[in-house]
Amino acid sequence: MYKIPHFLRPWLLAFALVAPGLLPLPAAAMTGGPAQPFYVMSSIRPLQLLVTAVAGDALESRVMLPPHVDPHHYAPRPSDIKQLRGARAVFWVGPELEGGFEAVFRQRPDAVALAARLSV
């Protein structure tokens, strides 16, 4: 069984406090029409892993920062912005650690900055 590292446990707790409101019924169940893709975005891979650990198969979790890309030099592509706009929820660490993402996440005022939730 996979054990969550000790230093990630506060992040997992913060996500667990925020997550219950993120799992509404799929659109097809409410309207009878085809469901739109239901996914959440995370700024970096460790947050995506936390989302996946908490939500399991209930939703699709996507990550904004591609593998092997320096977050200090990251510039979002138009496809990244489109995904960000279509996400049900957006999680990022916060401007203290991810200042380069701040302009991107200003487009989503509902984006959850976990550092602010934890008062880090």
PDB file of N, CA and C in Angstrom:
ATOM      1  N   MET A   1       0.845  -1.185   0.000  1.00  0.00           N
ATOM      2  CA  MET A   1       0.000   0.000   0.000  1.00  0.00           C
ATOM      3  C   MET A   1       0.883   1.238   0.000  1.00  0.00           C
ATOM      4  N   TYR A   2       0.471   2.237  -0.762  1.00  0.00           N
ATOM      5  CA  TYR A   2       1.227   3.470  -0.878  1.00  0.00           C
ATOM      6  C   TYR A   2       1.020   4.329   0.362  1.00  0.00           C
ATOM      7  N   LYS A   3       2.109   4.795   0.953  1.00  0.00           N
ATOM      8  CA  LYS A   3       2.027   5.697   2.101  1.00  0.00           C
ATOM      9  C   LYS A   3       2.290   7.116   1.635  1.00  0.00           C
ATOM     10  N   ILE A   4       1.467   8.030   2.083  1.00  0.00           N
ATOM     11  CA  ILE A   4       1.633   9.436   1.732  1.00  0.00           C
ATOM     12  C   ILE A   4       2.747  10.008   2.597  1.00  0.00           C
ATOM     13  N   PRO A   5       3.746  10.652   1.969  1.00  0.00           N
ATOM     14  CA  PRO A   5       4.850  11.231   2.737  1.00  0.00           C
ATOM     15  C   PRO A   5       4.343  12.229   3.773  1.00  0.00           C
ATOM     16  N   HIS A   6       5.026  12.276   4.879  1.00  0.00           N
ATOM     17  CA  HIS A   6       4.632  13.122   6.008  1.00  0.00           C
ATOM     18  C   HIS A   6       4.487  14.595   5.612  1.00  0.00           C
ATOM     19  N   PHE A   7       5.404  15.111   4.785  1.00  0.00           N
ATOM     20  CA  PHE A   7       5.356  16.526   4.437  1.00  0.00           C
ATOM     21  C   PHE A   7       4.174  16.871   3.528  1.00  0.00           C
ATOM     22  N   LEU A   8       3.550  15.870   2.887  1.00  0.00           N
ATOM     23  CA  LEU A   8       2.397  16.131   2.026  1.00  0.00           C
ATOM     24  C   LEU A   8       1.066  16.037   2.764  1.00  0.00           C
ATOM     25  N   ARG A   9       1.071  15.522   3.971  1.00  0.00           N
ATOM     26  CA  ARG A   9      -0.185  15.324   4.703  1.00  0.00           C
ATOM     27  C   ARG A   9      -0.968  16.607   4.946  1.00  0.00           C
ATOM     28  N   PRO A  10      -0.332  17.748   5.285  1.00  0.00           N
ATOM     29  CA  PRO A  10      -1.122  18.981   5.435  1.00  0.00           C
ATOM     30  C   PRO A  10      -1.814  19.392   4.141  1.00  0.00           C
ATOM     31  N   TRP A  11      -1.143  19.158   3.004  1.00  0.00           N
ATOM     32  CA  TRP A  11      -1.756  19.493   1.716  1.00  0.00           C
ATOM     33  C   TRP A  11      -2.968  18.593   1.463  1.00  0.00           C
ATOM     34  N   LEU A  12      -2.825  17.343   1.789  1.00  0.00           N
ATOM     35  CA  LEU A  12      -3.926  16.411   1.602  1.00  0.00           C
ATOM     36  C   LEU A  12      -5.103  16.796   2.487  1.00  0.00           C
ATOM     37  N   LEU A  13      -4.828  17.196   3.698  1.00  0.00           N
ATOM     38  CA  LEU A  13      -5.886  17.640   4.600  1.00  0.00           C
ATOM     39  C   LEU A  13      -6.590  18.874   4.042  1.00  0.00           C
ATOM     40  N   ALA A  14      -5.820  19.832   3.540  1.00  0.00           N
ATOM     41  CA  ALA A  14      -6.425  21.040   2.965  1.00  0.00           C
ATOM     42  C   ALA A  14      -7.298  20.689   1.778  1.00  0.00           C
ATOM     43  N   PHE A  15      -6.818  19.797   0.940  1.00  0.00           N
ATOM     44  CA  PHE A  15      -7.622  19.394  -0.216  1.00  0.00           C
ATOM     45  C   PHE A  15      -8.880  18.666   0.225  1.00  0.00           C
ATOM     46  N   ALA A  16      -8.764  17.825   1.237  1.00  0.00           N
ATOM     47  CA  ALA A  16      -9.929  17.096   1.720  1.00  0.00           C
ATOM     48  C   ALA A  16     -11.006  18.040   2.260  1.00  0.00           C
ATOM     49  N   LEU A  17     -10.582  19.169   2.802  1.00  0.00           N
ATOM     50  CA  LEU A  17     -11.544  20.142   3.305  1.00  0.00           C
ATOM     51  C   LEU A  17     -12.244  20.892   2.179  1.00  0.00           C
ATOM     52  N   VAL A  18     -11.559  21.034   1.048  1.00  0.00           N
ATOM     53  CA  VAL A  18     -12.110  21.785  -0.078  1.00  0.00           C
ATOM     54  C   VAL A  18     -12.866  20.877  -1.044  1.00  0.00           C
ATOM     55  N   ALA A  19     -12.471  19.631  -1.164  1.00  0.00           N
ATOM     56  CA  ALA A  19     -12.952  18.732  -2.203  1.00  0.00           C
ATOM     57  C   ALA A  19     -14.441  18.376  -2.175  1.00  0.00           C
ATOM     58  N   PRO A  20     -15.117  18.264  -1.044  1.00  0.00           N
ATOM     59  CA  PRO A  20     -16.500  17.782  -1.102  1.00  0.00           C
ATOM     60  C   PRO A  20     -17.427  18.579  -2.009  1.00  0.00           C
ATOM     61  N   GLY A  21     -17.189  19.848  -2.191  1.00  0.00           N
ATOM     62  CA  GLY A  21     -18.050  20.637  -3.060  1.00  0.00           C
ATOM     63  C   GLY A  21     -17.712  20.512  -4.532  1.00  0.00           C
ATOM     64  N   LEU A  22     -16.735  19.691  -4.877  1.00  0.00           N
ATOM     65  CA  LEU A  22     -16.284  19.608  -6.262  1.00  0.00           C
ATOM     66  C   LEU A  22     -16.894  18.438  -7.024  1.00  0.00           C
ATOM     67  N   LEU A  23     -17.723  17.643  -6.406  1.00  0.00           N
ATOM     68  CA  LEU A  23     -18.190  16.429  -7.050  1.00  0.00           C
ATOM     69  C   LEU A  23     -19.698  16.423  -7.292  1.00  0.00           C
ATOM     70  N   PRO A  24     -20.205  17.350  -8.116  1.00  0.00           N
ATOM     71  CA  PRO A  24     -21.630  17.331  -8.422  1.00  0.00           C
ATOM     72  C   PRO A  24     -21.957  16.198  -9.384  1.00  0.00           C
ATOM     73  N   LEU A  25     -23.240  15.988  -9.616  1.00  0.00           N
ATOM     74  CA  LEU A  25     -23.644  14.990 -10.597  1.00  0.00           C
ATOM     75  C   LEU A  25     -23.147  15.387 -11.970  1.00  0.00           C
ATOM     76  N   PRO A  26     -22.791  14.412 -12.817  1.00  0.00           N
ATOM     77  CA  PRO A  26     -22.395  14.755 -14.176  1.00  0.00           C
ATOM     78  C   PRO A  26     -23.534  15.445 -14.914  1.00  0.00           C
ATOM     79  N   ALA A  27     -23.201  16.251 -15.883  1.00  0.00           N
ATOM     80  CA  ALA A  27     -24.203  17.018 -16.624  1.00  0.00           C
ATOM     81  C   ALA A  27     -25.228  16.114 -17.282  1.00  0.00           C
ATOM     82  N   ALA A  28     -24.827  14.951 -17.768  1.00  0.00           N
ATOM     83  CA  ALA A  28     -25.759  14.049 -18.437  1.00  0.00           C
ATOM     84  C   ALA A  28     -26.828  13.552 -17.472  1.00  0.00           C
ATOM     85  N   ALA A  29     -26.452  13.356 -16.207  1.00  0.00           N
ATOM     86  CA  ALA A  29     -27.419  12.872 -15.229  1.00  0.00           C
ATOM     87  C   ALA A  29     -28.454  13.937 -14.894  1.00  0.00           C
ATOM     88  N   MET A  30     -28.073  15.214 -14.995  1.00  0.00           N
ATOM     89  CA  MET A  30     -28.993  16.288 -14.645  1.00  0.00           C
ATOM     90  C   MET A  30     -29.847  16.734 -15.827  1.00  0.00           C
ATOM     91  N   THR A  31     -29.305  16.709 -17.038  1.00  0.00           N
ATOM     92  CA  THR A  31     -30.015  17.260 -18.178  1.00  0.00           C
ATOM     93  C   THR A  31     -30.445  16.220 -19.189  1.00  0.00           C
ATOM     94  N   GLY A  32     -29.905  15.030 -19.107  1.00  0.00           N
ATOM     95  CA  GLY A  32     -30.215  14.004 -20.079  1.00  0.00           C
ATOM     96  C   GLY A  32     -29.389  14.145 -21.351  1.00  0.00           C
ATOM     97  N   GLY A  33     -28.578  15.186 -21.466  1.00  0.00           N
ATOM     98  CA  GLY A  33     -27.742  15.413 -22.640  1.00  0.00           C
ATOM     99  C   GLY A  33     -26.359  14.831 -22.446  1.00  0.00           C
ATOM    100  N   PRO A  34     -25.515  14.989 -23.452  1.00  0.00           N
ATOM    101  CA  PRO A  34     -24.156  14.468 -23.311  1.00  0.00           C
ATOM    102  C   PRO A  34     -23.377  15.250 -22.258  1.00  0.00           C
ATOM    103  N   ALA A  35     -22.602  14.539 -21.486  1.00  0.00           N
ATOM    104  CA  ALA A  35     -21.822  15.173 -20.418  1.00  0.00           C
ATOM    105  C   ALA A  35     -20.607  15.871 -20.991  1.00  0.00           C
ATOM    106  N   GLN A  36     -20.311  17.044 -20.466  1.00  0.00           N
ATOM    107  CA  GLN A  36     -19.078  17.728 -20.801  1.00  0.00           C
ATOM    108  C   GLN A  36     -17.957  17.053 -20.013  1.00  0.00           C
ATOM    109  N   PRO A  37     -16.715  17.103 -20.516  1.00  0.00           N
ATOM    110  CA  PRO A  37     -15.622  16.510 -19.756  1.00  0.00           C
ATOM    111  C   PRO A  37     -15.545  17.137 -18.360  1.00  0.00           C
ATOM    112  N   PHE A  38     -15.424  16.307 -17.356  1.00  0.00           N
ATOM    113  CA  PHE A  38     -15.356  16.769 -15.973  1.00  0.00           C
ATOM    114  C   PHE A  38     -13.940  16.535 -15.477  1.00  0.00           C
ATOM    115  N   TYR A  39     -13.214  17.614 -15.241  1.00  0.00           N
ATOM    116  CA  TYR A  39     -11.843  17.477 -14.775  1.00  0.00           C
ATOM    117  C   TYR A  39     -11.470  18.667 -13.909  1.00  0.00           C
ATOM    118  N   VAL A  40     -10.412  18.476 -13.131  1.00  0.00           N
ATOM    119  CA  VAL A  40      -9.839  19.563 -12.349  1.00  0.00           C
ATOM    120  C   VAL A  40      -8.387  19.728 -12.785  1.00  0.00           C
ATOM    121  N   MET A  41      -7.881  20.954 -12.632  1.00  0.00           N
ATOM    122  CA  MET A  41      -6.498  21.256 -13.001  1.00  0.00           C
ATOM    123  C   MET A  41      -5.683  21.514 -11.736  1.00  0.00           C
ATOM    124  N   SER A  42      -4.450  21.059 -11.764  1.00  0.00           N
ATOM    125  CA  SER A  42      -3.480  21.362 -10.716  1.00  0.00           C
ATOM    126  C   SER A  42      -2.287  22.026 -11.379  1.00  0.00           C
ATOM    127  N   SER A  43      -1.641  22.925 -10.655  1.00  0.00           N
ATOM    128  CA  SER A  43      -0.512  23.642 -11.254  1.00  0.00           C
ATOM    129  C   SER A  43       0.692  22.731 -11.440  1.00  0.00           C
ATOM    130  N   ILE A  44       0.978  21.883 -10.457  1.00  0.00           N
ATOM    131  CA  ILE A  44       2.170  21.046 -10.507  1.00  0.00           C
ATOM    132  C   ILE A  44       1.802  19.598 -10.192  1.00  0.00           C
ATOM    133  N   ARG A  45       2.671  18.701 -10.567  1.00  0.00           N
ATOM    134  CA  ARG A  45       2.429  17.259 -10.420  1.00  0.00           C
ATOM    135  C   ARG A  45       2.130  16.824  -8.980  1.00  0.00           C
ATOM    136  N   PRO A  46       2.837  17.299  -7.950  1.00  0.00           N
ATOM    137  CA  PRO A  46       2.505  16.853  -6.592  1.00  0.00           C
ATOM    138  C   PRO A  46       1.056  17.168  -6.204  1.00  0.00           C
ATOM    139  N   LEU A  47       0.539  18.305  -6.626  1.00  0.00           N
ATOM    140  CA  LEU A  47      -0.868  18.611  -6.333  1.00  0.00           C
ATOM    141  C   LEU A  47      -1.793  17.693  -7.114  1.00  0.00           C
ATOM    142  N   GLN A  48      -1.423  17.382  -8.335  1.00  0.00           N
ATOM    143  CA  GLN A  48      -2.237  16.455  -9.120  1.00  0.00           C
ATOM    144  C   GLN A  48      -2.294  15.087  -8.435  1.00  0.00           C
ATOM    145  N   LEU A  49      -1.182  14.649  -7.874  1.00  0.00           N
ATOM    146  CA  LEU A  49      -1.166  13.369  -7.168  1.00  0.00           C
ATOM    147  C   LEU A  49      -2.083  13.399  -5.946  1.00  0.00           C
ATOM    148  N   LEU A  50      -2.113  14.529  -5.240  1.00  0.00           N
ATOM    149  CA  LEU A  50      -3.010  14.653  -4.093  1.00  0.00           C
ATOM    150  C   LEU A  50      -4.471  14.602  -4.530  1.00  0.00           C
ATOM    151  N   VAL A  51      -4.792  15.292  -5.605  1.00  0.00           N
ATOM    152  CA  VAL A  51      -6.159  15.286  -6.118  1.00  0.00           C
ATOM    153  C   VAL A  51      -6.567  13.866  -6.483  1.00  0.00           C
ATOM    154  N   THR A  52      -5.690  13.162  -7.170  1.00  0.00           N
ATOM    155  CA  THR A  52      -5.972  11.795  -7.570  1.00  0.00           C
ATOM    156  C   THR A  52      -6.121  10.885  -6.353  1.00  0.00           C
ATOM    157  N   ALA A  53      -5.289  11.089  -5.334  1.00  0.00           N
ATOM    158  CA  ALA A  53      -5.372  10.264  -4.128  1.00  0.00           C
ATOM    159  C   ALA A  53      -6.694  10.471  -3.400  1.00  0.00           C
ATOM    160  N   VAL A  54      -7.184  11.693  -3.383  1.00  0.00           N
ATOM    161  CA  VAL A  54      -8.430  11.982  -2.674  1.00  0.00           C
ATOM    162  C   VAL A  54      -9.647  11.591  -3.500  1.00  0.00           C
ATOM    163  N   ALA A  55      -9.661  11.950  -4.771  1.00  0.00           N
ATOM    164  CA  ALA A  55     -10.852  11.763  -5.597  1.00  0.00           C
ATOM    165  C   ALA A  55     -10.928  10.397  -6.257  1.00  0.00           C
ATOM    166  N   GLY A  56      -9.804   9.746  -6.435  1.00  0.00           N
ATOM    167  CA  GLY A  56      -9.810   8.440  -7.080  1.00  0.00           C
ATOM    168  C   GLY A  56     -10.334   8.533  -8.509  1.00  0.00           C
ATOM    169  N   ASP A  57     -11.283   7.662  -8.838  1.00  0.00           N
ATOM    170  CA  ASP A  57     -11.854   7.611 -10.185  1.00  0.00           C
ATOM    171  C   ASP A  57     -13.042   8.539 -10.352  1.00  0.00           C
ATOM    172  N   ALA A  58     -13.373   9.328  -9.335  1.00  0.00           N
ATOM    173  CA  ALA A  58     -14.556  10.189  -9.407  1.00  0.00           C
ATOM    174  C   ALA A  58     -14.382  11.331 -10.401  1.00  0.00           C
ATOM    175  N   LEU A  59     -13.148  11.694 -10.710  1.00  0.00           N
ATOM    176  CA  LEU A  59     -12.921  12.769 -11.660  1.00  0.00           C
ATOM    177  C   LEU A  59     -11.570  12.587 -12.327  1.00  0.00           C
ATOM    178  N   GLU A  60     -11.390  13.304 -13.409  1.00  0.00           N
ATOM    179  CA  GLU A  60     -10.112  13.311 -14.114  1.00  0.00           C
ATOM    180  C   GLU A  60      -9.277  14.469 -13.587  1.00  0.00           C
ATOM    181  N   SER A  61      -8.030  14.193 -13.316  1.00  0.00           N
ATOM    182  CA  SER A  61      -7.124  15.216 -12.801  1.00  0.00           C
ATOM    183  C   SER A  61      -6.061  15.500 -13.849  1.00  0.00           C
ATOM    184  N   ARG A  62      -5.903  16.777 -14.200  1.00  0.00           N
ATOM    185  CA  ARG A  62      -4.905  17.192 -15.181  1.00  0.00           C
ATOM    186  C   ARG A  62      -3.912  18.139 -14.518  1.00  0.00           C
ATOM    187  N   VAL A  63      -2.723  18.204 -15.082  1.00  0.00           N
ATOM    188  CA  VAL A  63      -1.680  19.069 -14.540  1.00  0.00           C
ATOM    189  C   VAL A  63      -1.325  20.147 -15.568  1.00  0.00           C
ATOM    190  N   MET A  64      -1.106  21.359 -15.102  1.00  0.00           N
ATOM    191  CA  MET A  64      -0.802  22.487 -15.979  1.00  0.00           C
ATOM    192  C   MET A  64       0.643  22.431 -16.476  1.00  0.00           C
ATOM    193  N   LEU A  65       1.588  22.223 -15.572  1.00  0.00           N
ATOM    194  CA  LEU A  65       3.007  22.259 -15.916  1.00  0.00           C
ATOM    195  C   LEU A  65       3.430  20.922 -16.525  1.00  0.00           C
ATOM    196  N   PRO A  66       3.870  20.924 -17.787  1.00  0.00           N
ATOM    197  CA  PRO A  66       4.308  19.672 -18.409  1.00  0.00           C
ATOM    198  C   PRO A  66       5.556  19.118 -17.717  1.00  0.00           C
ATOM    199  N   PRO A  67       5.792  17.811 -17.846  1.00  0.00           N
ATOM    200  CA  PRO A  67       7.002  17.226 -17.255  1.00  0.00           C
ATOM    201  C   PRO A  67       8.264  17.853 -17.836  1.00  0.00           C
ATOM    202  N   HIS A  68       9.279  17.951 -17.028  1.00  0.00           N
ATOM    203  CA  HIS A  68      10.600  18.444 -17.420  1.00  0.00           C
ATOM    204  C   HIS A  68      10.595  19.909 -17.869  1.00  0.00           C
ATOM    205  N   VAL A  69       9.639  20.694 -17.385  1.00  0.00           N
ATOM    206  CA  VAL A  69       9.597  22.115 -17.700  1.00  0.00           C
ATOM    207  C   VAL A  69       9.888  22.883 -16.422  1.00  0.00           C
ATOM    208  N   ASP A  70      10.796  23.814 -16.502  1.00  0.00           N
ATOM    209  CA  ASP A  70      11.145  24.638 -15.350  1.00  0.00           C
ATOM    210  C   ASP A  70       9.988  25.594 -15.047  1.00  0.00           C
ATOM    211  N   PRO A  71       9.409  25.531 -13.848  1.00  0.00           N
ATOM    212  CA  PRO A  71       8.267  26.395 -13.544  1.00  0.00           C
ATOM    213  C   PRO A  71       8.602  27.886 -13.586  1.00  0.00           C
ATOM    214  N   HIS A  72       9.884  28.228 -13.456  1.00  0.00           N
ATOM    215  CA  HIS A  72      10.273  29.632 -13.500  1.00  0.00           C
ATOM    216  C   HIS A  72      10.267  30.193 -14.917  1.00  0.00           C
ATOM    217  N   HIS A  73      10.317  29.312 -15.913  1.00  0.00           N
ATOM    218  CA  HIS A  73      10.347  29.743 -17.307  1.00  0.00           C
ATOM    219  C   HIS A  73       9.110  29.285 -18.069  1.00  0.00           C
ATOM    220  N   TYR A  74       8.114  28.846 -17.350  1.00  0.00           N
ATOM    221  CA  TYR A  74       6.902  28.325 -17.989  1.00  0.00           C
ATOM    222  C   TYR A  74       6.048  29.452 -18.561  1.00  0.00           C
ATOM    223  N   ALA A  75       5.635  29.285 -19.792  1.00  0.00           N
ATOM    224  CA  ALA A  75       4.691  30.201 -20.427  1.00  0.00           C
ATOM    225  C   ALA A  75       3.535  29.353 -20.953  1.00  0.00           C
ATOM    226  N   PRO A  76       2.324  29.594 -20.484  1.00  0.00           N
ATOM    227  CA  PRO A  76       1.215  28.738 -20.907  1.00  0.00           C
ATOM    228  C   PRO A  76       0.909  28.866 -22.392  1.00  0.00           C
ATOM    229  N   ARG A  77       0.594  27.749 -22.990  1.00  0.00           N
ATOM    230  CA  ARG A  77       0.178  27.722 -24.389  1.00  0.00           C
ATOM    231  C   ARG A  77      -1.317  28.027 -24.450  1.00  0.00           C
ATOM    232  N   PRO A  78      -1.831  28.400 -25.601  1.00  0.00           N
ATOM    233  CA  PRO A  78      -3.280  28.622 -25.713  1.00  0.00           C
ATOM    234  C   PRO A  78      -4.096  27.398 -25.298  1.00  0.00           C
ATOM    235  N   SER A  79      -3.579  26.206 -25.569  1.00  0.00           N
ATOM    236  CA  SER A  79      -4.305  24.998 -25.158  1.00  0.00           C
ATOM    237  C   SER A  79      -4.341  24.867 -23.629  1.00  0.00           C
ATOM    238  N   ASP A  80      -3.285  25.326 -22.951  1.00  0.00           N
ATOM    239  CA  ASP A  80      -3.273  25.320 -21.483  1.00  0.00           C
ATOM    240  C   ASP A  80      -4.349  26.250 -20.931  1.00  0.00           C
ATOM    241  N   ILE A  81      -4.469  27.434 -21.510  1.00  0.00           N
ATOM    242  CA  ILE A  81      -5.474  28.400 -21.065  1.00  0.00           C
ATOM    243  C   ILE A  81      -6.878  27.854 -21.316  1.00  0.00           C
ATOM    244  N   LYS A  82      -7.073  27.192 -22.444  1.00  0.00           N
ATOM    245  CA  LYS A  82      -8.382  26.601 -22.755  1.00  0.00           C
ATOM    246  C   LYS A  82      -8.744  25.531 -21.730  1.00  0.00           C
ATOM    247  N   GLN A  83      -7.776  24.680 -21.392  1.00  0.00           N
ATOM    248  CA  GLN A  83      -8.026  23.656 -20.371  1.00  0.00           C
ATOM    249  C   GLN A  83      -8.329  24.283 -19.024  1.00  0.00           C
ATOM    250  N   LEU A  84      -7.599  25.330 -18.681  1.00  0.00           N
ATOM    251  CA  LEU A  84      -7.808  26.021 -17.417  1.00  0.00           C
ATOM    252  C   LEU A  84      -9.230  26.577 -17.331  1.00  0.00           C
ATOM    253  N   ARG A  85      -9.694  27.165 -18.419  1.00  0.00           N
ATOM    254  CA  ARG A  85     -11.050  27.730 -18.445  1.00  0.00           C
ATOM    255  C   ARG A  85     -12.124  26.663 -18.346  1.00  0.00           C
ATOM    256  N   GLY A  86     -11.852  25.470 -18.865  1.00  0.00           N
ATOM    257  CA  GLY A  86     -12.848  24.407 -18.844  1.00  0.00           C
ATOM    258  C   GLY A  86     -12.844  23.547 -17.594  1.00  0.00           C
ATOM    259  N   ALA A  87     -11.878  23.756 -16.716  1.00  0.00           N
ATOM    260  CA  ALA A  87     -11.765  22.923 -15.517  1.00  0.00           C
ATOM    261  C   ALA A  87     -12.865  23.247 -14.517  1.00  0.00           C
ATOM    262  N   ARG A  88     -13.338  22.231 -13.846  1.00  0.00           N
ATOM    263  CA  ARG A  88     -14.354  22.405 -12.797  1.00  0.00           C
ATOM    264  C   ARG A  88     -13.766  23.105 -11.583  1.00  0.00           C
ATOM    265  N   ALA A  89     -12.496  22.807 -11.294  1.00  0.00           N
ATOM    266  CA  ALA A  89     -11.791  23.433 -10.170  1.00  0.00           C
ATOM    267  C   ALA A  89     -10.311  23.521 -10.523  1.00  0.00           C
ATOM    268  N   VAL A  90      -9.638  24.474  -9.904  1.00  0.00           N
ATOM    269  CA  VAL A  90      -8.212  24.695 -10.169  1.00  0.00           C
ATOM    270  C   VAL A  90      -7.489  24.811  -8.826  1.00  0.00           C
ATOM    271  N   PHE A  91      -6.386  24.081  -8.698  1.00  0.00           N
ATOM    272  CA  PHE A  91      -5.587  24.103  -7.477  1.00  0.00           C
ATOM    273  C   PHE A  91      -4.170  24.524  -7.810  1.00  0.00           C
ATOM    274  N   TRP A  92      -3.617  25.397  -6.978  1.00  0.00           N
ATOM    275  CA  TRP A  92      -2.216  25.774  -7.092  1.00  0.00           C
ATOM    276  C   TRP A  92      -1.691  26.043  -5.711  1.00  0.00           C
ATOM    277  N   VAL A  93      -0.359  26.044  -5.558  1.00  0.00           N
ATOM    278  CA  VAL A  93       0.243  26.238  -4.243  1.00  0.00           C
ATOM    279  C   VAL A  93       0.008  27.657  -3.770  1.00  0.00           C
ATOM    280  N   GLY A  94       0.243  28.628  -4.622  1.00  0.00           N
ATOM    281  CA  GLY A  94       0.043  30.021  -4.261  1.00  0.00           C
ATOM    282  C   GLY A  94       1.182  30.878  -4.767  1.00  0.00           C
ATOM    283  N   PRO A  95       1.005  32.198  -4.734  1.00  0.00           N
ATOM    284  CA  PRO A  95       2.029  33.090  -5.293  1.00  0.00           C
ATOM    285  C   PRO A  95       3.349  33.044  -4.536  1.00  0.00           C
ATOM    286  N   GLU A  96       3.331  32.594  -3.287  1.00  0.00           N
ATOM    287  CA  GLU A  96       4.571  32.521  -2.519  1.00  0.00           C
ATOM    288  C   GLU A  96       5.565  31.556  -3.157  1.00  0.00           C
ATOM    289  N   LEU A  97       5.072  30.458  -3.719  1.00  0.00           N
ATOM    290  CA  LEU A  97       5.945  29.451  -4.317  1.00  0.00           C
ATOM    291  C   LEU A  97       5.820  29.369  -5.831  1.00  0.00           C
ATOM    292  N   GLU A  98       4.723  29.864  -6.369  1.00  0.00           N
ATOM    293  CA  GLU A  98       4.481  29.767  -7.804  1.00  0.00           C
ATOM    294  C   GLU A  98       4.112  31.130  -8.377  1.00  0.00           C
ATOM    295  N   GLY A  99       4.973  32.090  -8.148  1.00  0.00           N
ATOM    296  CA  GLY A  99       4.696  33.446  -8.607  1.00  0.00           C
ATOM    297  C   GLY A  99       4.515  33.553 -10.110  1.00  0.00           C
ATOM    298  N   GLY A 100       5.198  32.704 -10.863  1.00  0.00           N
ATOM    299  CA  GLY A 100       5.073  32.724 -12.306  1.00  0.00           C
ATOM    300  C   GLY A 100       3.700  32.309 -12.796  1.00  0.00           C
ATOM    301  N   PHE A 101       2.957  31.593 -11.979  1.00  0.00           N
ATOM    302  CA  PHE A 101       1.623  31.144 -12.348  1.00  0.00           C
ATOM    303  C   PHE A 101       0.549  32.174 -12.001  1.00  0.00           C
ATOM    304  N   GLU A 102       0.905  33.173 -11.238  1.00  0.00           N
ATOM    305  CA  GLU A 102      -0.106  34.091 -10.708  1.00  0.00           C
ATOM    306  C   GLU A 102      -0.943  34.740 -11.807  1.00  0.00           C
ATOM    307  N   ALA A 103      -0.317  35.204 -12.868  1.00  0.00           N
ATOM    308  CA  ALA A 103      -1.066  35.848 -13.956  1.00  0.00           C
ATOM    309  C   ALA A 103      -2.024  34.859 -14.620  1.00  0.00           C
ATOM    310  N   VAL A 104      -1.603  33.613 -14.724  1.00  0.00           N
ATOM    311  CA  VAL A 104      -2.455  32.586 -15.332  1.00  0.00           C
ATOM    312  C   VAL A 104      -3.669  32.325 -14.450  1.00  0.00           C
ATOM    313  N   PHE A 105      -3.450  32.218 -13.148  1.00  0.00           N
ATOM    314  CA  PHE A 105      -4.552  31.863 -12.252  1.00  0.00           C
ATOM    315  C   PHE A 105      -5.446  33.050 -11.907  1.00  0.00           C
ATOM    316  N   ARG A 106      -5.033  34.257 -12.240  1.00  0.00           N
ATOM    317  CA  ARG A 106      -5.932  35.402 -12.069  1.00  0.00           C
ATOM    318  C   ARG A 106      -7.142  35.282 -12.986  1.00  0.00           C
ATOM    319  N   GLN A 107      -6.999  34.535 -14.061  1.00  0.00           N
ATOM    320  CA  GLN A 107      -8.120  34.311 -14.976  1.00  0.00           C
ATOM    321  C   GLN A 107      -9.197  33.458 -14.330  1.00  0.00           C
ATOM    322  N   ARG A 108      -8.849  32.761 -13.249  1.00  0.00           N
ATOM    323  CA  ARG A 108      -9.806  31.931 -12.523  1.00  0.00           C
ATOM    324  C   ARG A 108      -9.856  32.410 -11.075  1.00  0.00           C
ATOM    325  N   PRO A 109     -10.709  33.382 -10.763  1.00  0.00           N
ATOM    326  CA  PRO A 109     -10.756  33.887  -9.388  1.00  0.00           C
ATOM    327  C   PRO A 109     -11.164  32.819  -8.381  1.00  0.00           C
ATOM    328  N   ASP A 110     -11.742  31.726  -8.849  1.00  0.00           N
ATOM    329  CA  ASP A 110     -12.133  30.640  -7.946  1.00  0.00           C
ATOM    330  C   ASP A 110     -11.007  29.629  -7.734  1.00  0.00           C
ATOM    331  N   ALA A 111      -9.825  29.863  -8.314  1.00  0.00           N
ATOM    332  CA  ALA A 111      -8.698  28.950  -8.133  1.00  0.00           C
ATOM    333  C   ALA A 111      -8.324  28.886  -6.655  1.00  0.00           C
ATOM    334  N   VAL A 112      -8.068  27.693  -6.174  1.00  0.00           N
ATOM    335  CA  VAL A 112      -7.752  27.481  -4.760  1.00  0.00           C
ATOM    336  C   VAL A 112      -6.249  27.521  -4.566  1.00  0.00           C
ATOM    337  N   ALA A 113      -5.762  28.517  -3.843  1.00  0.00           N
ATOM    338  CA  ALA A 113      -4.344  28.608  -3.472  1.00  0.00           C
ATOM    339  C   ALA A 113      -4.187  27.909  -2.132  1.00  0.00           C
ATOM    340  N   LEU A 114      -3.586  26.728  -2.145  1.00  0.00           N
ATOM    341  CA  LEU A 114      -3.522  25.924  -0.923  1.00  0.00           C
ATOM    342  C   LEU A 114      -2.666  26.554   0.153  1.00  0.00           C
ATOM    343  N   ALA A 115      -1.620  27.290  -0.205  1.00  0.00           N
ATOM    344  CA  ALA A 115      -0.783  27.949   0.809  1.00  0.00           C
ATOM    345  C   ALA A 115      -1.613  28.935   1.621  1.00  0.00           C
ATOM    346  N   ALA A 116      -2.529  29.630   0.962  1.00  0.00           N
ATOM    347  CA  ALA A 116      -3.388  30.573   1.687  1.00  0.00           C
ATOM    348  C   ALA A 116      -4.347  29.826   2.610  1.00  0.00           C
ATOM    349  N   ARG A 117      -4.820  28.663   2.200  1.00  0.00           N
ATOM    350  CA  ARG A 117      -5.736  27.875   3.032  1.00  0.00           C
ATOM    351  C   ARG A 117      -5.046  27.348   4.274  1.00  0.00           C
ATOM    352  N   LEU A 118      -3.729  27.067   4.138  1.00  0.00           N
ATOM    353  CA  LEU A 118      -2.986  26.504   5.251  1.00  0.00           C
ATOM    354  C   LEU A 118      -2.257  27.569   6.059  1.00  0.00           C
ATOM    355  N   SER A 119      -2.300  28.819   5.601  1.00  0.00           N
ATOM    356  CA  SER A 119      -1.571  29.921   6.237  1.00  0.00           C
ATOM    357  C   SER A 119      -0.089  29.615   6.349  1.00  0.00           C
ATOM    358  N   VAL A 120       0.476  29.136   5.249  1.00  0.00           N
ATOM    359  CA  VAL A 120       1.903  28.788   5.205  1.00  0.00           C
ATOM    360  C   VAL A 120       2.717  30.051   5.093  1.00  0.00           C
TER     361      VAL A 120
END
